Amino acid sequence: MKRLRDLVITFLGLWLMASPRLLHFAGSHQDAVWNTWLIGAAIILVIAVSRYLVDVRSPWEDLTGAALGLWLMISPWVLGFSAQMTERSNSIIIGFFVAVFSLWAMVVDADLRKWMDDWMHQHHLLR
């Protein structure tokens, strides 16, 4: 299941990198183009690092994915391209799916839940 989720999120990251050209983002809002490219690259990098370079499963991948998805959802207003419907819609929709898949992975991954419980006990957050 994790492999499928990683594949879907990787596809979403690739879509983000290609979407400015495919959807013909307005040339006057380079912030939307750069934001989309950088977040797409960051998503692909997070998946690649967590999949191939990190041996121990931890929540950093999923938390980072959720944060990147949340940023995509609010970035049209923060960066000032909310008036451009195509850019705004792409950012919100893809951000929503990235965040949902990342958070879903945290909920269903039993090993991750065990790791988080152990970590919380070690740091005296749970008694």
Protein backbone atom coordinates (compact mmCIF):
# COMPACT_ATOMS: atom_id res chain seq x y z
CA MET A 1 0.00 0.00 0.00
CA LYS A 2 2.87 2.38 0.80
CA ARG A 3 4.39 1.74 -2.60
CA LEU A 4 1.12 2.71 -4.32
CA ARG A 5 0.77 5.83 -2.18
CA ASP A 6 4.37 6.83 -2.96
CA LEU A 7 3.69 6.29 -6.65
CA VAL A 8 0.57 8.48 -6.55
CA ILE A 9 2.33 11.26 -4.64
CA THR A 10 5.30 11.06 -7.03
CA PHE A 11 2.89 11.40 -9.95
CA LEU A 12 1.34 14.46 -8.26
CA GLY A 13 4.82 15.96 -7.88
CA LEU A 14 5.57 15.30 -11.55
CA TRP A 15 2.24 16.86 -12.49
CA LEU A 16 3.16 19.97 -10.49
CA MET A 17 6.42 20.28 -12.38
CA ALA A 18 4.72 19.89 -15.77
CA SER A 19 1.47 21.73 -15.10
CA PRO A 20 2.66 25.32 -15.66
CA ARG A 21 3.51 24.45 -19.26
CA LEU A 22 0.60 22.07 -19.84
CA LEU A 23 -2.00 24.40 -18.34
CA HIS A 24 -0.43 27.56 -19.82
CA PHE A 25 -0.04 29.48 -16.58
CA ALA A 26 -0.25 33.24 -17.07
CA GLY A 27 3.18 34.74 -17.72
CA SER A 28 2.53 37.69 -15.42
CA HIS A 29 2.52 35.51 -12.30
CA GLN A 30 5.92 33.88 -12.14
CA ASP A 31 5.36 33.25 -8.42
CA ALA A 32 2.76 30.63 -9.34
CA VAL A 33 5.12 28.96 -11.80
CA TRP A 34 8.09 28.91 -9.42
CA ASN A 35 5.98 27.80 -6.48
CA THR A 36 4.51 24.94 -8.50
CA TRP A 37 7.89 23.80 -9.82
CA LEU A 38 9.64 24.00 -6.45
CA ILE A 39 6.91 22.23 -4.49
CA GLY A 40 6.69 19.52 -7.17
CA ALA A 41 10.45 18.99 -6.97
CA ALA A 42 10.32 18.95 -3.16
CA ILE A 43 7.58 16.31 -3.18
CA ILE A 44 9.56 14.09 -5.55
CA LEU A 45 12.73 14.60 -3.47
CA VAL A 46 10.98 13.69 -0.20
CA ILE A 47 9.56 10.50 -1.71
CA ALA A 48 12.90 9.54 -3.27
CA VAL A 49 14.88 10.15 -0.08
CA SER A 50 12.41 8.33 2.15
CA ARG A 51 12.05 5.43 -0.26
CA TYR A 52 15.66 4.82 -1.20
CA LEU A 53 17.98 6.50 1.32
CA VAL A 54 16.35 6.14 4.75
CA ASP A 55 16.20 2.71 6.37
CA VAL A 56 14.18 3.60 9.46
CA ARG A 57 10.52 4.54 8.96
CA SER A 58 9.60 7.78 10.68
CA PRO A 59 6.81 10.30 10.27
CA TRP A 60 9.00 12.98 8.69
CA GLU A 61 8.04 11.99 5.15
CA ASP A 62 4.32 12.12 5.83
CA LEU A 63 4.49 15.29 7.91
CA THR A 64 6.56 16.98 5.20
CA GLY A 65 4.09 15.85 2.53
CA ALA A 66 1.18 17.16 4.57
CA ALA A 67 2.95 20.50 5.10
CA LEU A 68 3.74 20.82 1.39
CA GLY A 69 0.12 20.01 0.54
CA LEU A 70 -1.12 22.62 3.01
CA TRP A 71 1.29 25.18 1.56
CA LEU A 72 -0.02 24.45 -1.94
CA MET A 73 -3.58 25.07 -0.71
CA ILE A 74 -2.81 28.46 0.86
CA SER A 75 -0.06 29.68 -1.49
CA PRO A 76 -2.38 31.33 -4.05
CA TRP A 77 -3.39 33.88 -1.40
CA VAL A 78 0.02 34.18 0.24
CA LEU A 79 1.86 34.68 -3.07
CA GLY A 80 -0.89 36.73 -4.71
CA PHE A 81 -2.04 34.58 -7.61
CA SER A 82 -5.49 33.75 -6.27
CA ALA A 83 -7.15 35.75 -9.07
CA GLN A 84 -5.77 33.32 -11.67
CA MET A 85 -8.33 30.51 -11.67
CA THR A 86 -6.19 27.87 -13.40
CA GLU A 87 -3.16 28.39 -11.15
CA ARG A 88 -5.29 28.62 -8.01
CA SER A 89 -7.37 25.53 -8.81
CA ASN A 90 -4.33 23.45 -9.71
CA SER A 91 -2.58 24.44 -6.49
CA ILE A 92 -5.59 23.78 -4.25
CA ILE A 93 -6.60 20.47 -5.82
CA ILE A 94 -3.11 18.96 -5.98
CA GLY A 95 -2.30 20.31 -2.50
CA PHE A 96 -5.42 18.69 -1.11
CA PHE A 97 -4.53 15.29 -2.57
CA VAL A 98 -0.90 15.47 -1.42
CA ALA A 99 -2.01 16.38 2.12
CA VAL A 100 -4.74 13.72 2.22
CA PHE A 101 -2.47 10.92 0.97
CA SER A 102 0.26 11.95 3.41
CA LEU A 103 -2.06 12.12 6.40
CA TRP A 104 -3.81 8.91 5.37
CA ALA A 105 -0.46 7.13 5.39
CA MET A 106 0.12 8.25 8.96
CA VAL A 107 -3.26 6.93 10.07
CA VAL A 108 -3.08 3.50 8.43
CA ASP A 109 0.60 2.69 8.94
CA ALA A 110 0.72 0.47 12.06
CA ASP A 111 4.53 0.60 12.26
CA LEU A 112 4.45 4.37 12.12
CA ARG A 113 1.79 4.54 14.84
CA LYS A 114 3.94 2.27 17.02
CA TRP A 115 7.00 4.45 16.36
CA MET A 116 5.04 7.59 17.28
CA ASP A 117 3.70 5.98 20.47
CA ASP A 118 7.20 4.89 21.47
CA TRP A 119 8.58 8.35 20.75
CA MET A 120 5.83 10.02 22.77
CA HIS A 121 6.45 7.69 25.71
CA GLN A 122 10.20 8.32 25.56
CA HIS A 123 9.60 12.08 25.65
CA HIS A 124 7.05 11.77 28.45
CA LEU A 125 4.18 13.08 26.34
CA LEU A 126 2.05 10.04 27.15
CA ARG A 127 1.86 8.27 30.49
